[in-house]
Amino acid sequence: MARDVLSLLQGQMSTFSKGQKRIASFILDSYDKAAFMTASKLGKTVDVSESTVVRFAAELGYDGYPAMQKALREMIRNKLTAVQRIEVANDRLDKSEVLPAVLHADAENIRLTLEGLDQTSFDQVVRAILSARKIYILGVRSAFSIASFLGFYFNMMFENVVVAHTNSSSELFEQILRIGQGDVLIGVSFPRYSKRTVKAMRYAKDQGATVVAITDSETAPSAQIADHSLLAKSDMASFVDSLVAPLSLVNALIVAVSREKGEELAGTFGRLEQIWDEYEVYEKTEE
């Protein structure tokens, strides 16, 4: 249901019963917390039954409470400040639950990413990368970790890779200044979406480059610009962005591209092994 939940609640407030008004008022005042509450916890918080909360979601037109909760989460993910994220995480997790909760959430994000993956789009991205005149990779703030990882391995496979790395908008555009037709720009962007990434992707698109978005949703700003989108589920763990599923997707992209490089890549790594041995890049394990 592509509707703003808060606007929906405000518009129908006068039609709600007393219990429903308490639910609606709490969501309007504390939507950042309500989005991560179970129906039972929300009911206890506003002093109504769990079944009242479930019926309330259905009466709003959602297919159950989880659907309303999902709509709330989608709405707020790009709105929460770091302070709000910390408050939400503290409400959701007991100290003793942090380790299993975060790891289970990451595993669930990988599962959901796999279920929603568009194999055709993935294959198209692989082909675009292999035929690119030049490959530009862009990600800022926490997304830079993903962009850097992708760039590290692509630099071993290709001679034509540029990883844009700067916090200055002007320097960012200077690094992609010559991008054009025949080039590929891969933009990594997750909530809270960076304006710099979106602007750079739009510039690349205007210059005739093929633009690839690695992001979390078809409605994400970068996906709206891109020729191809690879979607991976992400979530927040306190003020920290959970990027486990995006990293797993990038791993798959690296492996898929490397398989297409075949013997050429084997020769490259053969030379690299000689260099690593000669310059003692890695520790030698004693026999």
Protein backbone atom coordinates (compact mmCIF):
# COMPACT_ATOMS: atom_id res chain seq x y z
CA MET A 1 0.00 0.00 0.00
CA ALA A 2 1.78 3.10 -1.26
CA ARG A 3 0.28 5.56 1.21
CA ASP A 4 1.75 7.80 3.88
CA VAL A 5 0.58 6.13 7.09
CA LEU A 6 0.69 9.34 9.09
CA SER A 7 -1.48 11.21 6.60
CA LEU A 8 -3.89 8.28 6.60
CA LEU A 9 -4.19 8.40 10.39
CA GLN A 10 -4.64 12.16 10.49
CA GLY A 11 -7.32 12.04 7.83
CA GLN A 12 -9.39 9.37 9.59
CA MET A 13 -8.82 10.38 13.22
CA SER A 14 -12.38 11.64 13.71
CA THR A 15 -13.82 8.24 12.71
CA PHE A 16 -11.82 6.18 15.23
CA SER A 17 -13.08 4.71 18.47
CA LYS A 18 -11.43 5.75 21.76
CA GLY A 19 -9.05 2.79 21.66
CA GLN A 20 -8.20 3.37 18.03
CA LYS A 21 -7.54 7.05 18.73
CA ARG A 22 -5.01 6.05 21.39
CA ILE A 23 -3.26 3.80 18.87
CA ALA A 24 -3.30 6.48 16.18
CA SER A 25 -2.10 9.21 18.55
CA PHE A 26 0.81 7.10 19.74
CA ILE A 27 1.87 6.30 16.17
CA LEU A 28 1.62 9.97 15.15
CA ASP A 29 3.65 11.10 18.17
CA SER A 30 6.18 8.22 18.24
CA TYR A 31 6.16 6.66 14.78
CA ASP A 32 9.88 5.94 15.06
CA LYS A 33 9.18 3.61 17.99
CA ALA A 34 5.83 2.24 16.82
CA ALA A 35 7.37 1.00 13.57
CA PHE A 36 9.42 -1.55 15.50
CA MET A 37 6.84 -2.64 18.07
CA THR A 38 4.91 -5.88 17.92
CA ALA A 39 1.14 -5.62 17.95
CA SER A 40 1.20 -6.93 21.52
CA LYS A 41 3.72 -4.34 22.73
CA LEU A 42 1.90 -1.49 20.99
CA GLY A 43 -1.37 -2.61 22.57
CA LYS A 44 0.16 -2.71 26.06
CA THR A 45 1.74 0.71 25.55
CA VAL A 46 -1.58 2.38 24.76
CA ASP A 47 -3.70 0.11 26.99
CA VAL A 48 -5.70 -1.77 24.35
CA SER A 49 -5.71 -5.46 23.42
CA GLU A 50 -3.45 -6.96 20.80
CA SER A 51 -6.52 -7.93 18.76
CA THR A 52 -7.64 -4.27 18.74
CA VAL A 53 -4.30 -3.27 17.21
CA VAL A 54 -4.58 -6.00 14.58
CA ARG A 55 -8.15 -5.00 13.68
CA PHE A 56 -7.09 -1.36 13.54
CA ALA A 57 -4.48 -2.15 10.87
CA ALA A 58 -7.05 -4.12 8.87
CA GLU A 59 -9.59 -1.32 9.04
CA LEU A 60 -7.00 1.07 7.65
CA GLY A 61 -6.81 -1.19 4.61
CA TYR A 62 -3.65 -3.17 5.38
CA ASP A 63 -3.33 -6.94 5.08
CA GLY A 64 -2.73 -7.31 8.78
CA TYR A 65 -0.53 -5.55 11.33
CA PRO A 66 2.82 -6.60 9.77
CA ALA A 67 1.83 -4.84 6.53
CA MET A 68 1.09 -1.60 8.39
CA GLN A 69 4.32 -1.95 10.33
CA LYS A 70 6.25 -2.45 7.09
CA ALA A 71 4.68 0.68 5.61
CA LEU A 72 5.73 2.64 8.69
CA ARG A 73 9.29 1.35 8.49
CA GLU A 74 9.59 2.17 4.80
CA MET A 75 8.30 5.66 5.43
CA ILE A 76 10.69 6.51 8.26
CA ARG A 77 13.93 4.78 7.27
CA ASN A 78 15.29 7.87 5.57
CA LYS A 79 13.89 10.23 8.19
CA LEU A 80 15.33 8.96 11.45
CA THR A 81 18.21 10.95 12.93
CA ALA A 82 21.14 9.15 14.55
CA VAL A 83 19.71 9.99 17.98
CA GLN A 84 16.31 8.52 17.06
CA ARG A 85 18.01 5.38 15.75
CA ILE A 86 19.78 4.89 19.06
CA GLU A 87 16.54 5.38 20.99
CA VAL A 88 14.70 2.88 18.77
CA ALA A 89 17.47 0.30 19.12
CA ASN A 90 17.53 0.69 22.89
CA ASP A 91 13.76 0.16 23.01
CA ARG A 92 13.94 -2.90 20.75
CA LEU A 93 16.89 -4.73 22.28
CA ASP A 94 17.89 -5.83 25.72
CA LYS A 95 21.67 -5.83 26.28
CA SER A 96 21.71 -9.62 26.49
CA GLU A 97 19.88 -9.89 23.14
CA VAL A 98 22.14 -7.69 21.02
CA LEU A 99 24.44 -10.37 19.60
CA PRO A 100 21.80 -12.93 18.52
CA ALA A 101 19.32 -10.26 17.43
CA VAL A 102 21.76 -8.46 15.13
CA LEU A 103 23.14 -11.66 13.62
CA HIS A 104 19.65 -13.10 13.04
CA ALA A 105 18.55 -9.81 11.45
CA ASP A 106 21.55 -9.87 9.10
CA ALA A 107 20.83 -13.46 8.11
CA GLU A 108 17.20 -12.53 7.45
CA ASN A 109 18.27 -9.62 5.25
CA ILE A 110 20.42 -11.96 3.14
CA ARG A 111 17.48 -14.38 2.80
CA LEU A 112 15.11 -11.63 1.73
CA THR A 113 17.70 -10.27 -0.72
CA LEU A 114 18.03 -13.67 -2.35
CA GLU A 115 14.25 -14.09 -2.60
CA GLY A 116 13.82 -10.70 -4.24
CA LEU A 117 16.83 -10.80 -6.55
CA ASP A 118 16.15 -10.18 -10.23
CA GLN A 119 18.53 -12.56 -12.02
CA THR A 120 17.97 -10.83 -15.37
CA SER A 121 19.03 -7.46 -13.96
CA PHE A 122 22.04 -9.09 -12.30
CA ASP A 123 23.15 -10.66 -15.60
CA GLN A 124 22.66 -7.35 -17.43
CA VAL A 125 24.89 -5.58 -14.92
CA VAL A 126 27.59 -8.23 -15.34
CA ARG A 127 27.54 -7.76 -19.12
CA ALA A 128 27.61 -3.98 -18.82
CA ILE A 129 30.66 -4.14 -16.54
CA LEU A 130 32.53 -6.55 -18.83
CA SER A 131 31.97 -4.33 -21.89
CA ALA A 132 32.60 -0.98 -20.18
CA ARG A 133 35.20 1.42 -21.49
CA LYS A 134 35.73 2.62 -17.92
CA ILE A 135 34.16 1.57 -14.61
CA TYR A 136 33.39 4.21 -12.00
CA ILE A 137 32.40 3.12 -8.49
CA LEU A 138 30.84 5.54 -6.06
CA GLY A 139 29.63 5.34 -2.48
CA VAL A 140 29.93 7.87 0.31
CA ARG A 141 29.79 7.72 4.09
CA SER A 142 29.02 4.16 5.27
CA ALA A 143 28.34 3.07 1.67
CA PHE A 144 31.98 3.80 0.85
CA SER A 145 32.94 0.55 2.60
CA ILE A 146 30.94 -1.39 -0.01
CA ALA A 147 32.24 0.72 -2.91
CA SER A 148 35.82 0.34 -1.70
CA PHE A 149 35.49 -3.45 -1.37
CA LEU A 150 34.09 -3.70 -4.91
CA GLY A 151 36.81 -1.42 -6.24
CA PHE A 152 39.57 -3.41 -4.53
CA TYR A 153 38.72 -6.57 -6.46
CA PHE A 154 37.73 -4.88 -9.70
CA ASN A 155 41.12 -3.16 -9.78
CA MET A 156 42.69 -6.63 -9.89
CA MET A 157 40.48 -7.62 -12.83
CA PHE A 158 40.39 -4.45 -14.91
CA GLU A 159 42.72 -1.63 -15.92
CA ASN A 160 39.92 0.89 -16.18
CA VAL A 161 38.48 1.28 -12.66
CA VAL A 162 37.99 4.55 -10.78
CA VAL A 163 36.77 4.50 -7.18
CA ALA A 164 35.56 8.00 -6.34
CA HIS A 165 36.59 8.72 -2.78
CA THR A 166 35.96 12.14 -1.30
CA ASN A 167 33.61 13.98 1.01
CA SER A 168 33.71 17.11 -1.15
CA SER A 169 31.01 17.51 -3.79
CA SER A 170 33.32 19.47 -6.10
CA GLU A 171 36.10 16.87 -5.89
CA LEU A 172 33.57 14.12 -6.50
CA PHE A 173 32.49 15.65 -9.80
CA GLU A 174 36.12 16.28 -10.74
CA GLN A 175 36.81 12.54 -10.39
CA ILE A 176 33.95 11.60 -12.73
CA LEU A 177 34.33 14.61 -15.00
CA ARG A 178 35.18 12.64 -18.16
CA ILE A 179 32.55 9.95 -17.76
CA GLY A 180 30.54 9.36 -20.91
CA GLN A 181 29.03 6.92 -23.37
CA GLY A 182 30.51 3.45 -23.05
CA ASP A 183 31.32 3.93 -19.36
CA VAL A 184 29.55 2.40 -16.37
CA LEU A 185 28.98 4.10 -13.04
CA ILE A 186 28.04 1.90 -10.09
CA GLY A 187 26.45 3.93 -7.30
CA VAL A 188 26.06 2.38 -3.84
CA SER A 189 23.38 4.10 -1.79
CA PHE A 190 21.41 3.05 1.29
CA PRO A 191 19.35 4.98 3.85
CA ARG A 192 19.97 7.66 4.78
CA TYR A 193 20.50 8.27 1.07
CA SER A 194 23.34 10.62 0.16
CA LYS A 195 22.43 13.55 -2.07
CA ARG A 196 25.97 13.59 -3.45
CA THR A 197 25.65 10.05 -4.73
CA VAL A 198 22.31 10.79 -6.39
CA LYS A 199 23.61 13.97 -8.02
CA ALA A 200 26.71 12.21 -9.33
CA MET A 201 24.60 9.38 -10.76
CA ARG A 202 22.34 11.90 -12.47
CA TYR A 203 25.38 13.63 -13.96
CA ALA A 204 26.71 10.31 -15.26
CA LYS A 205 23.33 9.51 -16.78
CA ASP A 206 23.22 12.90 -18.49
CA GLN A 207 26.66 12.25 -19.99
CA GLY A 208 25.45 9.03 -21.60
CA ALA A 209 27.02 6.51 -19.20
CA THR A 210 25.26 3.33 -18.09
CA VAL A 211 24.23 3.80 -14.47
CA VAL A 212 23.90 0.92 -12.00
CA ALA A 213 22.34 1.37 -8.57
CA ILE A 214 23.13 -0.93 -5.66
CA THR A 215 20.46 0.06 -3.18
CA ASP A 216 17.60 -1.26 -1.07
CA SER A 217 14.40 -0.40 -2.92
CA GLU A 218 12.96 0.35 -6.33
CA THR A 219 11.72 3.62 -4.84
CA ALA A 220 15.18 4.67 -3.64
CA PRO A 221 16.44 7.90 -5.25
CA SER A 222 19.35 6.16 -6.97
CA ALA A 223 17.09 3.44 -8.41
CA GLN A 224 14.91 6.10 -10.00
CA ILE A 225 17.92 7.29 -12.02
CA ALA A 226 19.64 3.99 -12.80
CA ASP A 227 19.48 1.90 -15.96
CA HIS A 228 19.86 -1.22 -13.80
CA SER A 229 19.22 -1.73 -10.11
CA LEU A 230 20.51 -4.46 -7.81
CA LEU A 231 18.46 -4.51 -4.63
CA ALA A 232 19.72 -5.72 -1.26
CA LYS A 233 17.91 -5.49 2.05
CA SER A 234 19.51 -3.30 4.68
CA ASP A 235 18.41 -2.34 8.13
CA MET A 236 19.59 -0.25 10.99
CA ALA A 237 21.23 -1.61 14.11
CA SER A 238 21.14 1.43 16.38
CA PHE A 239 22.89 4.31 14.55
CA VAL A 240 24.85 1.70 12.57
CA ASP A 241 23.78 0.75 9.04
CA SER A 242 23.56 -3.00 8.53
CA LEU A 243 25.18 -3.61 5.15
CA VAL A 244 25.72 -7.36 5.36
CA ALA A 245 23.26 -8.22 2.58
CA PRO A 246 24.62 -5.51 0.23
CA LEU A 247 28.14 -6.84 0.80
CA SER A 248 26.95 -10.37 0.03
CA LEU A 249 25.36 -9.12 -3.20
CA VAL A 250 28.61 -7.37 -4.16
CA ASN A 251 30.48 -10.61 -3.43
CA ALA A 252 28.20 -12.38 -5.90
CA LEU A 253 28.80 -9.64 -8.48
CA ILE A 254 32.58 -9.96 -8.13
CA VAL A 255 32.43 -13.75 -8.49
CA ALA A 256 30.11 -13.56 -11.53
CA VAL A 257 32.38 -11.08 -13.29
CA SER A 258 35.50 -13.08 -12.41
CA ARG A 259 34.03 -16.24 -13.94
CA GLU A 260 33.52 -14.41 -17.22
CA LYS A 261 37.14 -13.20 -17.19
CA GLY A 262 38.31 -16.83 -17.15
CA GLU A 263 41.90 -17.49 -18.26
CA GLU A 264 42.73 -13.79 -18.41
CA LEU A 265 42.05 -13.47 -14.69
CA ALA A 266 44.05 -16.62 -13.92
CA GLY A 267 47.05 -15.07 -15.66
CA THR A 268 46.63 -11.82 -13.74
CA PHE A 269 46.60 -13.57 -10.40
CA GLY A 270 49.54 -15.71 -11.42
CA ARG A 271 51.57 -12.52 -11.87
CA LEU A 272 50.21 -11.09 -8.64
CA GLU A 273 51.29 -14.18 -6.69
CA GLN A 274 54.84 -13.71 -7.96
CA ILE A 275 54.78 -10.07 -6.88
CA TRP A 276 53.32 -10.90 -3.48
CA ASP A 277 56.04 -13.50 -2.89
CA GLU A 278 58.85 -11.25 -4.09
CA TYR A 279 57.79 -8.30 -1.96
CA GLU A 280 56.61 -10.39 1.00
CA VAL A 281 53.09 -9.01 0.98
CA TYR A 282 51.67 -11.88 3.01
CA GLU A 283 52.94 -13.78 6.00
CA LYS A 284 54.25 -17.22 5.18
CA THR A 285 52.81 -20.08 7.22
CA GLU A 286 55.53 -22.35 8.53
CA GLU A 287 55.29 -25.97 7.41
